[in-house]
């Protein structure tokens, strides 16, 4: 997957969706936020990451210190500001190369940020769609990678004291989209060596089955499994624990 092109495409689609909308529209999936605040969050987030990369930071940037962190009032200029932020991340990665910089999961090669921001804006586009009552579509392969990336985030630093699933328990997700193959299966296990995940097919203590897009939105708490029509098999308490223990 071309993460760079996808980041630019998803950012552009997010902006187009809300470009002519009332900025005071509330966003139900981001309590207390309006579309204006969601737009600023996405655009500033790109610049925040670009600054971390460009300055080779080992600590995060204070959001108040993000350069050009406020969108212009003019809608067309604001739209360009949004897209320029995504381009600035890619440009910063090109300058820094594979050098490691700060991330929420520890030092990572600078290119880590492109994939993270891609899935960030893809989910926030869903937030905007919910707020506007608009349709939301996402390519199955992109949604599937979003699931993998989310599970990585939730398990990379997990300990037995902060495990998203209890010791000895297993969570399994199965995407029903055609053509995904092993990339459409996820199994999260908490065993003797800690919390790990694979693309293995298997039977979990709880298993969720549905389109990758809907599984992603359920993982990110944008839709409940009931509202998304996702099939749930097994011990639903394991799924409830996962949701409770994976805030982000």
Protein backbone atom coordinates (compact mmCIF):
# COMPACT_ATOMS: atom_id res chain seq x y z
CA UNK A 1 0.00 0.00 0.00
CA UNK A 2 1.22 3.49 -0.84
CA UNK A 3 0.78 5.15 2.55
CA UNK A 4 1.92 8.52 1.25
CA UNK A 5 -0.67 8.70 -1.51
CA UNK A 6 -3.34 7.36 0.83
CA UNK A 7 -2.56 10.04 3.43
CA UNK A 8 -2.96 12.78 0.84
CA UNK A 9 -6.16 11.20 -0.52
CA UNK A 10 -7.79 10.73 2.88
CA UNK A 11 -6.83 14.22 3.99
CA UNK A 12 -8.30 15.70 0.83
CA UNK A 13 -11.50 13.65 1.23
CA UNK A 14 -11.85 14.75 4.85
CA UNK A 15 -11.55 18.39 3.83
CA UNK A 16 -13.95 18.05 0.92
CA UNK A 17 -16.55 16.45 3.17
CA UNK A 18 -16.74 19.38 5.57
CA UNK A 19 -15.59 22.20 3.30
CA UNK A 20 -19.04 23.73 2.88
CA UNK A 21 -20.60 22.45 6.11
CA UNK A 22 -21.61 24.58 9.07
CA UNK A 23 -18.45 24.67 11.24
CA UNK A 24 -20.55 24.78 14.40
CA UNK A 25 -22.06 21.34 13.66
CA UNK A 26 -21.53 19.08 16.70
CA UNK A 27 -19.59 15.84 16.24
CA UNK A 28 -21.36 13.09 18.23
CA UNK A 29 -18.41 10.69 18.13
CA UNK A 30 -16.05 13.35 19.53
CA UNK A 31 -18.06 14.72 22.48
CA UNK A 32 -17.98 18.50 22.95
CA UNK A 33 -16.30 19.03 19.55
CA UNK A 34 -17.65 20.85 16.53
CA UNK A 35 -16.62 20.34 12.92
CA UNK A 36 -14.44 23.42 13.26
CA UNK A 37 -12.56 21.87 16.17
CA UNK A 38 -12.27 18.52 14.38
CA UNK A 39 -10.88 20.24 11.28
CA UNK A 40 -8.33 22.18 13.33
CA UNK A 41 -7.34 19.03 15.22
CA UNK A 42 -6.57 17.13 12.02
CA UNK A 43 -4.71 20.01 10.36
CA UNK A 44 -2.73 20.92 13.44
CA UNK A 45 -1.97 17.26 14.08
CA UNK A 46 -0.20 17.00 10.73
CA UNK A 47 1.92 20.05 11.47
CA UNK A 48 2.63 18.80 14.98
CA UNK A 49 3.98 15.54 13.58
CA UNK A 50 5.90 17.30 10.81
CA UNK A 51 7.61 19.50 13.40
CA UNK A 52 8.54 16.49 15.54
CA UNK A 53 10.08 14.87 12.48
CA UNK A 54 11.81 17.94 11.03
CA UNK A 55 13.34 18.89 14.38
CA UNK A 56 14.29 15.26 15.12
CA UNK A 57 12.50 15.52 18.43
CA UNK A 58 12.97 13.04 21.25
CA UNK A 59 10.01 14.59 23.10
CA UNK A 60 6.64 15.73 21.78
CA UNK A 61 6.00 19.30 20.68
CA UNK A 62 3.74 21.42 22.88
CA UNK A 63 0.57 21.89 20.77
CA UNK A 64 0.77 25.62 21.53
CA UNK A 65 4.17 25.72 19.81
CA UNK A 66 3.04 24.19 16.52
CA UNK A 67 3.96 26.54 13.71
CA UNK A 68 1.02 27.75 11.63
CA UNK A 69 -1.24 25.64 13.82
CA UNK A 70 -4.44 27.63 13.23
CA UNK A 71 -6.39 27.39 9.97
CA UNK A 72 -7.24 30.57 8.04
CA UNK A 73 -10.79 31.87 8.27
CA UNK A 74 -11.31 31.73 4.52
CA UNK A 75 -12.71 28.26 3.62
CA UNK A 76 -10.60 27.85 0.48
CA UNK A 77 -7.44 28.91 2.28
CA UNK A 78 -8.31 26.59 5.18
CA UNK A 79 -8.71 23.68 2.77
CA UNK A 80 -5.26 24.36 1.34
CA UNK A 81 -3.86 24.70 4.88
CA UNK A 82 -5.22 21.24 5.69
CA UNK A 83 -3.70 19.58 2.64
CA UNK A 84 -0.42 21.42 3.01
CA UNK A 85 -0.10 19.95 6.50
CA UNK A 86 -0.22 16.41 5.14
CA UNK A 87 2.32 17.28 2.46
CA UNK A 88 4.62 18.77 5.11
CA UNK A 89 4.75 15.43 6.94
CA UNK A 90 5.88 13.63 3.81
CA UNK A 91 8.45 16.34 3.05
CA UNK A 92 9.82 16.12 6.60
CA UNK A 93 10.18 12.34 6.34
CA UNK A 94 12.03 12.76 3.04
CA UNK A 95 14.51 15.12 4.72
CA UNK A 96 15.06 13.02 7.82
CA UNK A 97 15.01 9.60 6.20
CA UNK A 98 14.99 6.61 8.53
CA UNK A 99 16.20 8.55 11.56
CA UNK A 100 14.26 7.71 14.72
CA UNK A 101 12.07 10.36 16.32
CA UNK A 102 9.58 10.59 19.17
CA UNK A 103 6.28 8.71 18.92
CA UNK A 104 3.70 7.70 21.50
CA UNK A 105 5.09 4.15 21.31
CA UNK A 106 8.74 5.08 21.75
CA UNK A 107 11.39 6.14 19.23
CA UNK A 108 10.48 5.03 15.70
CA UNK A 109 11.76 5.70 12.17
CA UNK A 110 10.28 9.00 10.99
CA UNK A 111 8.16 7.27 8.33
CA UNK A 112 6.07 5.69 11.12
CA UNK A 113 4.16 8.96 11.29
CA UNK A 114 2.81 8.72 7.73
CA UNK A 115 0.90 5.51 8.48
CA UNK A 116 -0.26 6.78 11.87
CA UNK A 117 -1.65 10.02 10.44
CA UNK A 118 -3.27 8.19 7.54
CA UNK A 119 -5.38 6.09 9.87
CA UNK A 120 -6.00 9.06 12.16
CA UNK A 121 -7.55 11.11 9.37
CA UNK A 122 -9.45 8.10 7.98
CA UNK A 123 -11.23 7.65 11.32
CA UNK A 124 -11.81 11.38 11.73
CA UNK A 125 -13.39 11.39 8.29
CA UNK A 126 -15.86 8.90 9.75
CA UNK A 127 -16.48 11.35 12.60
CA UNK A 128 -17.30 14.07 10.09
CA UNK A 129 -19.56 11.73 8.13
CA UNK A 130 -21.52 10.85 11.26
CA UNK A 131 -21.90 14.53 12.13
CA UNK A 132 -23.23 15.32 8.65
CA UNK A 133 -25.27 12.19 8.11
CA UNK A 134 -23.11 11.37 5.09
CA UNK A 135 -22.09 8.00 3.70
CA UNK A 136 -18.69 6.69 4.74
CA UNK A 137 -16.69 4.28 2.64
CA UNK A 138 -13.15 3.05 3.01
CA UNK A 139 -11.25 0.57 0.82
CA UNK A 140 -11.13 -2.81 2.52
CA UNK A 141 -7.33 -3.06 2.36
CA UNK A 142 -6.96 0.37 3.95
CA UNK A 143 -9.46 -0.45 6.69
CA UNK A 144 -7.70 -3.77 7.33
CA UNK A 145 -4.34 -2.05 7.70
CA UNK A 146 -6.02 0.43 10.03
CA UNK A 147 -7.10 -2.47 12.22
CA UNK A 148 -3.56 -3.88 12.25
CA UNK A 149 -2.11 -0.47 13.09
CA UNK A 150 -4.65 0.06 15.89
CA UNK A 151 -3.95 -3.34 17.43
CA UNK A 152 -0.22 -2.61 17.26
CA UNK A 153 -0.77 0.65 19.13
CA UNK A 154 -2.88 -1.03 21.78
CA UNK A 155 -0.51 -3.95 22.40
CA UNK A 156 3.03 -2.66 21.81
CA UNK A 157 3.51 -1.41 25.37
CA UNK A 158 0.97 -3.64 27.11
CA UNK A 159 1.94 -5.26 30.39
CA UNK A 160 0.05 -7.69 32.56
CA UNK A 161 -1.11 -4.68 34.58
CA UNK A 162 -2.41 -2.86 31.52
CA UNK A 163 -3.36 -5.74 29.25
CA UNK A 164 -6.29 -5.15 26.90
CA UNK A 165 -7.25 -8.81 27.35
CA UNK A 166 -6.86 -10.86 30.52
CA UNK A 167 -4.16 -13.51 30.89
CA UNK A 168 -5.12 -16.64 29.00
CA UNK A 169 -7.82 -14.91 26.97
CA UNK A 170 -8.01 -14.39 23.22
CA UNK A 171 -9.74 -11.86 20.94
CA UNK A 172 -10.27 -12.72 17.28
CA UNK A 173 -11.43 -10.47 14.43
CA UNK A 174 -12.46 -11.70 11.00
CA UNK A 175 -13.08 -9.34 8.08
CA UNK A 176 -15.62 -10.62 5.59
CA UNK A 177 -14.38 -8.55 2.61
CA UNK A 178 -13.28 -10.49 -0.45
CA UNK A 179 -9.61 -10.67 -1.30
CA UNK A 180 -8.02 -9.78 2.03
CA UNK A 181 -6.73 -13.26 2.78
CA UNK A 182 -4.63 -13.50 5.98
CA UNK A 183 -4.56 -9.67 6.20
CA UNK A 184 -8.24 -9.89 7.15
CA UNK A 185 -7.70 -11.98 10.28
CA UNK A 186 -6.40 -10.81 13.66
CA UNK A 187 -5.84 -12.80 16.83
CA UNK A 188 -4.80 -11.06 20.06
CA UNK A 189 -3.50 -13.35 22.81
CA UNK A 190 -2.35 -12.73 26.37
CA UNK A 191 -0.01 -15.62 27.18
CA UNK A 192 3.16 -16.26 29.17
CA UNK A 193 5.24 -14.00 26.93
CA UNK A 194 2.74 -11.14 27.24
CA UNK A 195 0.21 -9.66 24.84
CA UNK A 196 0.88 -10.50 21.20
CA UNK A 197 -1.09 -10.54 17.98
CA UNK A 198 -0.92 -12.30 14.64
CA UNK A 199 -2.86 -12.63 11.40
CA UNK A 200 -3.58 -16.25 12.30
CA UNK A 201 -7.02 -17.73 11.86
CA UNK A 202 -8.36 -19.25 15.04
CA UNK A 203 -11.15 -19.42 17.56
CA UNK A 204 -10.98 -16.75 20.25
CA UNK A 205 -12.78 -16.45 23.55
CA UNK A 206 -14.66 -13.79 21.65
CA UNK A 207 -14.74 -13.40 17.87
CA UNK A 208 -16.08 -10.51 15.81
CA UNK A 209 -17.04 -10.96 12.17
CA UNK A 210 -17.92 -8.20 9.69
CA UNK A 211 -16.56 -5.85 7.01
CA UNK A 212 -13.12 -4.41 7.77
CA UNK A 213 -14.47 -0.85 7.73
CA UNK A 214 -17.02 -1.68 10.42
CA UNK A 215 -14.52 -3.62 12.51
CA UNK A 216 -12.18 -0.62 12.41
CA UNK A 217 -14.89 1.79 13.53
CA UNK A 218 -15.90 -0.58 16.33
CA UNK A 219 -12.30 -0.85 17.53
CA UNK A 220 -12.00 2.94 17.47
CA UNK A 221 -15.31 3.30 19.34
CA UNK A 222 -17.03 5.11 16.51
CA UNK A 223 -19.81 2.54 16.19
CA UNK A 224 -21.04 -0.21 18.47
CA UNK A 225 -20.97 -3.75 17.15
CA UNK A 226 -24.77 -3.78 17.31
CA UNK A 227 -25.13 -0.60 15.24
CA UNK A 228 -22.56 -1.85 12.73
CA UNK A 229 -24.23 -5.23 12.37
CA UNK A 230 -21.06 -7.05 13.40
CA UNK A 231 -21.52 -10.67 14.46
CA UNK A 232 -20.15 -11.45 17.91
CA UNK A 233 -19.45 -15.01 19.04
CA UNK A 234 -18.35 -16.15 22.47
CA UNK A 235 -17.71 -14.19 25.65
CA UNK A 236 -18.76 -10.58 25.01
CA UNK A 237 -17.12 -9.53 28.30
CA UNK A 238 -13.71 -10.00 26.62
CA UNK A 239 -14.72 -7.49 23.95
CA UNK A 240 -16.11 -5.10 26.58
CA UNK A 241 -12.82 -5.30 28.49
CA UNK A 242 -10.88 -4.56 25.30
CA UNK A 243 -12.90 -1.40 24.64
CA UNK A 244 -12.59 -0.22 28.24
CA UNK A 245 -8.82 -0.77 28.33
CA UNK A 246 -7.83 0.70 24.97
CA UNK A 247 -8.46 4.45 25.17
CA UNK A 248 -6.39 6.59 22.82
